[in-house]
Amino acid sequence: MSSHQSKNMDKLNQAIAGANDTATEKAFLDDIRQSIDTVDCEIQTLINNRAKLAQQVAAVKKNNTLSITRLPTIAILFFIALSVKRKC
């Protein structure tokens, strides 16, 4: 478990202990949502990096008259790109 996850677990335990404390629960949820946003940005960066590498592969294949596309890969990346809508 990462230190970030550990901190979230600590906050969850605190929220459970003070279940009547709405402010604590809201702060905990805000922290989790921020963590989700951070992960989404990391995913988006990885997808962008992968796309750049795929462009390099396509350029090499084009220069050597090889098949350029792999449709399942393109479909998967398109689906993932649509799922990540946040601006990083």
N, C-alpha and C. Protein backbone atom coordinates (compact mmCIF):
# COMPACT_ATOMS: atom_id res chain seq x y z
N MET A 1 0.85 -1.18 0.00
CA MET A 1 0.00 0.00 0.00
C MET A 1 0.90 1.24 0.00
N SER A 2 0.57 2.18 -0.87
CA SER A 2 1.37 3.40 -0.96
C SER A 2 1.09 4.29 0.25
N SER A 3 1.96 5.25 0.46
CA SER A 3 1.77 6.17 1.59
C SER A 3 0.51 7.00 1.40
N HIS A 4 0.18 7.32 0.13
CA HIS A 4 -1.03 8.09 -0.15
C HIS A 4 -2.27 7.26 0.22
N GLN A 5 -2.25 5.98 -0.17
CA GLN A 5 -3.37 5.10 0.17
C GLN A 5 -3.47 4.92 1.68
N SER A 6 -2.32 4.83 2.34
CA SER A 6 -2.29 4.68 3.79
C SER A 6 -2.91 5.90 4.47
N LYS A 7 -2.58 7.09 3.95
CA LYS A 7 -3.17 8.30 4.51
C LYS A 7 -4.67 8.31 4.32
N ASN A 8 -5.13 7.86 3.13
CA ASN A 8 -6.56 7.80 2.89
C ASN A 8 -7.24 6.81 3.83
N MET A 9 -6.59 5.69 4.11
CA MET A 9 -7.15 4.72 5.05
C MET A 9 -7.24 5.32 6.45
N ASP A 10 -6.21 6.07 6.84
CA ASP A 10 -6.24 6.74 8.14
C ASP A 10 -7.42 7.70 8.21
N LYS A 11 -7.61 8.45 7.14
CA LYS A 11 -8.71 9.41 7.11
C LYS A 11 -10.06 8.68 7.11
N LEU A 12 -10.13 7.54 6.43
CA LEU A 12 -11.36 6.76 6.43
C LEU A 12 -11.67 6.28 7.85
N ASN A 13 -10.67 5.78 8.53
CA ASN A 13 -10.87 5.33 9.91
C ASN A 13 -11.32 6.48 10.81
N GLN A 14 -10.74 7.66 10.59
CA GLN A 14 -11.15 8.83 11.37
C GLN A 14 -12.60 9.19 11.04
N ALA A 15 -12.96 9.10 9.76
CA ALA A 15 -14.32 9.43 9.35
C ALA A 15 -15.32 8.45 9.94
N ILE A 16 -14.93 7.17 9.98
CA ILE A 16 -15.81 6.17 10.56
C ILE A 16 -15.97 6.41 12.06
N ALA A 17 -14.86 6.72 12.72
CA ALA A 17 -14.92 6.97 14.16
C ALA A 17 -15.80 8.16 14.48
N GLY A 18 -15.77 9.17 13.65
CA GLY A 18 -16.58 10.36 13.88
C GLY A 18 -17.67 10.46 12.82
N ALA A 19 -18.42 9.38 12.64
CA ALA A 19 -19.41 9.29 11.56
C ALA A 19 -20.42 10.43 11.59
N ASN A 20 -20.64 11.01 12.73
CA ASN A 20 -21.59 12.11 12.83
C ASN A 20 -20.98 13.44 12.43
N ASP A 21 -19.70 13.44 12.19
CA ASP A 21 -19.00 14.68 11.84
C ASP A 21 -19.03 14.85 10.32
N THR A 22 -20.01 15.55 9.83
CA THR A 22 -20.21 15.75 8.40
C THR A 22 -19.01 16.44 7.75
N ALA A 23 -18.41 17.37 8.44
CA ALA A 23 -17.26 18.09 7.89
C ALA A 23 -16.09 17.13 7.64
N THR A 24 -15.87 16.21 8.58
CA THR A 24 -14.80 15.22 8.42
C THR A 24 -15.07 14.33 7.22
N GLU A 25 -16.31 13.89 7.09
CA GLU A 25 -16.67 13.02 5.96
C GLU A 25 -16.51 13.78 4.64
N LYS A 26 -16.92 15.03 4.60
CA LYS A 26 -16.80 15.83 3.39
C LYS A 26 -15.33 16.02 3.03
N ALA A 27 -14.51 16.31 4.02
CA ALA A 27 -13.07 16.49 3.78
C ALA A 27 -12.46 15.19 3.26
N PHE A 28 -12.88 14.07 3.82
CA PHE A 28 -12.37 12.78 3.37
C PHE A 28 -12.76 12.53 1.93
N LEU A 29 -14.02 12.79 1.59
CA LEU A 29 -14.48 12.60 0.21
C LEU A 29 -13.75 13.53 -0.75
N ASP A 30 -13.52 14.76 -0.32
CA ASP A 30 -12.76 15.70 -1.15
C ASP A 30 -11.35 15.19 -1.42
N ASP A 31 -10.71 14.61 -0.40
CA ASP A 31 -9.37 14.05 -0.57
C ASP A 31 -9.38 12.88 -1.55
N ILE A 32 -10.37 12.02 -1.43
CA ILE A 32 -10.48 10.88 -2.35
C ILE A 32 -10.70 11.38 -3.77
N ARG A 33 -11.58 12.35 -3.93
CA ARG A 33 -11.83 12.89 -5.28
C ARG A 33 -10.57 13.53 -5.86
N GLN A 34 -9.80 14.19 -5.04
CA GLN A 34 -8.53 14.77 -5.51
C GLN A 34 -7.58 13.67 -5.94
N SER A 35 -7.55 12.58 -5.18
CA SER A 35 -6.70 11.45 -5.56
C SER A 35 -7.14 10.86 -6.89
N ILE A 36 -8.44 10.76 -7.10
CA ILE A 36 -8.96 10.26 -8.37
C ILE A 36 -8.55 11.17 -9.50
N ASP A 37 -8.65 12.48 -9.30
CA ASP A 37 -8.23 13.44 -10.33
C ASP A 37 -6.75 13.28 -10.66
N THR A 38 -5.93 13.06 -9.64
CA THR A 38 -4.50 12.87 -9.85
C THR A 38 -4.24 11.62 -10.68
N VAL A 39 -4.91 10.53 -10.35
CA VAL A 39 -4.76 9.28 -11.11
C VAL A 39 -5.24 9.48 -12.54
N ASP A 40 -6.36 10.17 -12.73
CA ASP A 40 -6.86 10.43 -14.08
C ASP A 40 -5.83 11.20 -14.91
N CYS A 41 -5.18 12.17 -14.31
CA CYS A 41 -4.15 12.93 -15.03
C CYS A 41 -2.96 12.04 -15.39
N GLU A 42 -2.59 11.16 -14.48
CA GLU A 42 -1.50 10.23 -14.76
C GLU A 42 -1.87 9.31 -15.92
N ILE A 43 -3.11 8.82 -15.93
CA ILE A 43 -3.59 7.97 -17.02
C ILE A 43 -3.55 8.73 -18.33
N GLN A 44 -4.03 9.97 -18.31
CA GLN A 44 -4.06 10.78 -19.52
C GLN A 44 -2.63 11.00 -20.04
N THR A 45 -1.69 11.26 -19.16
CA THR A 45 -0.30 11.44 -19.56
C THR A 45 0.25 10.17 -20.19
N LEU A 46 -0.05 9.02 -19.58
CA LEU A 46 0.42 7.74 -20.13
C LEU A 46 -0.18 7.48 -21.51
N ILE A 47 -1.47 7.78 -21.68
CA ILE A 47 -2.11 7.58 -22.97
C ILE A 47 -1.46 8.48 -24.02
N ASN A 48 -1.20 9.73 -23.66
CA ASN A 48 -0.54 10.65 -24.59
C ASN A 48 0.86 10.15 -24.97
N ASN A 49 1.60 9.65 -24.00
CA ASN A 49 2.93 9.11 -24.27
C ASN A 49 2.84 7.90 -25.20
N ARG A 50 1.86 7.04 -24.95
CA ARG A 50 1.67 5.86 -25.78
C ARG A 50 1.31 6.26 -27.21
N ALA A 51 0.47 7.27 -27.34
CA ALA A 51 0.07 7.73 -28.67
C ALA A 51 1.28 8.24 -29.46
N LYS A 52 2.17 8.94 -28.78
CA LYS A 52 3.38 9.43 -29.44
C LYS A 52 4.25 8.26 -29.92
N LEU A 53 4.36 7.23 -29.09
CA LEU A 53 5.13 6.05 -29.49
C LEU A 53 4.46 5.34 -30.66
N ALA A 54 3.12 5.26 -30.63
CA ALA A 54 2.39 4.62 -31.73
C ALA A 54 2.59 5.38 -33.03
N GLN A 55 2.69 6.71 -32.95
CA GLN A 55 2.96 7.51 -34.15
C GLN A 55 4.34 7.18 -34.72
N GLN A 56 5.30 6.94 -33.84
CA GLN A 56 6.63 6.56 -34.30
C GLN A 56 6.60 5.20 -34.99
N VAL A 57 5.86 4.26 -34.42
CA VAL A 57 5.71 2.94 -35.03
C VAL A 57 5.05 3.07 -36.40
N ALA A 58 4.00 3.87 -36.49
CA ALA A 58 3.30 4.07 -37.76
C ALA A 58 4.24 4.66 -38.82
N ALA A 59 5.09 5.60 -38.42
CA ALA A 59 6.03 6.21 -39.36
C ALA A 59 7.01 5.17 -39.91
N VAL A 60 7.51 4.32 -39.02
CA VAL A 60 8.44 3.27 -39.46
C VAL A 60 7.73 2.29 -40.39
N LYS A 61 6.51 1.89 -40.03
CA LYS A 61 5.76 0.96 -40.87
C LYS A 61 5.45 1.57 -42.23
N LYS A 62 5.11 2.85 -42.25
CA LYS A 62 4.79 3.53 -43.51
C LYS A 62 6.01 3.55 -44.41
N ASN A 63 7.17 3.84 -43.84
CA ASN A 63 8.41 3.89 -44.62
C ASN A 63 8.81 2.53 -45.16
N ASN A 64 8.34 1.47 -44.51
CA ASN A 64 8.68 0.11 -44.93
C ASN A 64 7.49 -0.62 -45.54
N THR A 65 6.46 0.13 -45.90
CA THR A 65 5.21 -0.39 -46.49
C THR A 65 4.64 -1.57 -45.72
N LEU A 66 4.59 -1.44 -44.41
CA LEU A 66 3.98 -2.45 -43.56
C LEU A 66 2.59 -1.98 -43.15
N SER A 67 1.76 -2.91 -42.68
CA SER A 67 0.43 -2.55 -42.20
C SER A 67 0.56 -1.55 -41.05
N ILE A 68 -0.23 -0.48 -41.10
CA ILE A 68 -0.06 0.62 -40.15
C ILE A 68 -0.92 0.44 -38.90
N THR A 69 -2.13 -0.06 -39.02
CA THR A 69 -3.04 -0.03 -37.89
C THR A 69 -3.29 -1.40 -37.28
N ARG A 70 -3.61 -1.37 -36.01
CA ARG A 70 -4.11 -2.52 -35.27
C ARG A 70 -5.42 -2.06 -34.66
N LEU A 71 -6.51 -2.37 -35.31
CA LEU A 71 -7.82 -1.83 -34.91
C LEU A 71 -8.18 -2.09 -33.46
N PRO A 72 -7.96 -3.29 -32.91
CA PRO A 72 -8.33 -3.46 -31.49
C PRO A 72 -7.61 -2.48 -30.57
N THR A 73 -6.34 -2.23 -30.84
CA THR A 73 -5.58 -1.29 -30.03
C THR A 73 -6.15 0.11 -30.15
N ILE A 74 -6.46 0.53 -31.37
CA ILE A 74 -7.03 1.86 -31.58
C ILE A 74 -8.37 2.00 -30.86
N ALA A 75 -9.20 0.97 -30.95
CA ALA A 75 -10.52 1.02 -30.30
C ALA A 75 -10.38 1.13 -28.78
N ILE A 76 -9.45 0.39 -28.21
CA ILE A 76 -9.24 0.43 -26.76
C ILE A 76 -8.77 1.82 -26.33
N LEU A 77 -7.81 2.39 -27.06
CA LEU A 77 -7.30 3.71 -26.70
C LEU A 77 -8.37 4.78 -26.85
N PHE A 78 -9.20 4.66 -27.88
CA PHE A 78 -10.29 5.61 -28.08
C PHE A 78 -11.25 5.56 -26.90
N PHE A 79 -11.60 4.34 -26.46
CA PHE A 79 -12.50 4.18 -25.32
C PHE A 79 -11.90 4.79 -24.06
N ILE A 80 -10.63 4.54 -23.83
CA ILE A 80 -9.97 5.07 -22.63
C ILE A 80 -9.92 6.60 -22.70
N ALA A 81 -9.59 7.14 -23.86
CA ALA A 81 -9.50 8.60 -24.01
C ALA A 81 -10.85 9.25 -23.73
N LEU A 82 -11.93 8.60 -24.14
CA LEU A 82 -13.26 9.16 -23.86
C LEU A 82 -13.61 9.09 -22.38
N SER A 83 -13.04 8.10 -21.69
CA SER A 83 -13.35 7.93 -20.26
C SER A 83 -12.67 8.98 -19.41
N VAL A 84 -11.53 9.49 -19.84
CA VAL A 84 -10.77 10.47 -19.07
C VAL A 84 -11.10 11.85 -19.64
N LYS A 85 -11.98 12.58 -18.94
CA LYS A 85 -12.47 13.86 -19.47
C LYS A 85 -11.88 15.07 -18.75
N ARG A 86 -11.08 14.85 -17.74
CA ARG A 86 -10.57 15.98 -16.97
C ARG A 86 -9.38 16.61 -17.67
N LYS A 87 -9.25 17.91 -17.48
CA LYS A 87 -8.09 18.64 -17.99
C LYS A 87 -6.99 18.56 -16.95
N CYS A 88 -5.79 18.23 -17.40
CA CYS A 88 -4.66 18.14 -16.47
C CYS A 88 -3.73 19.32 -16.63
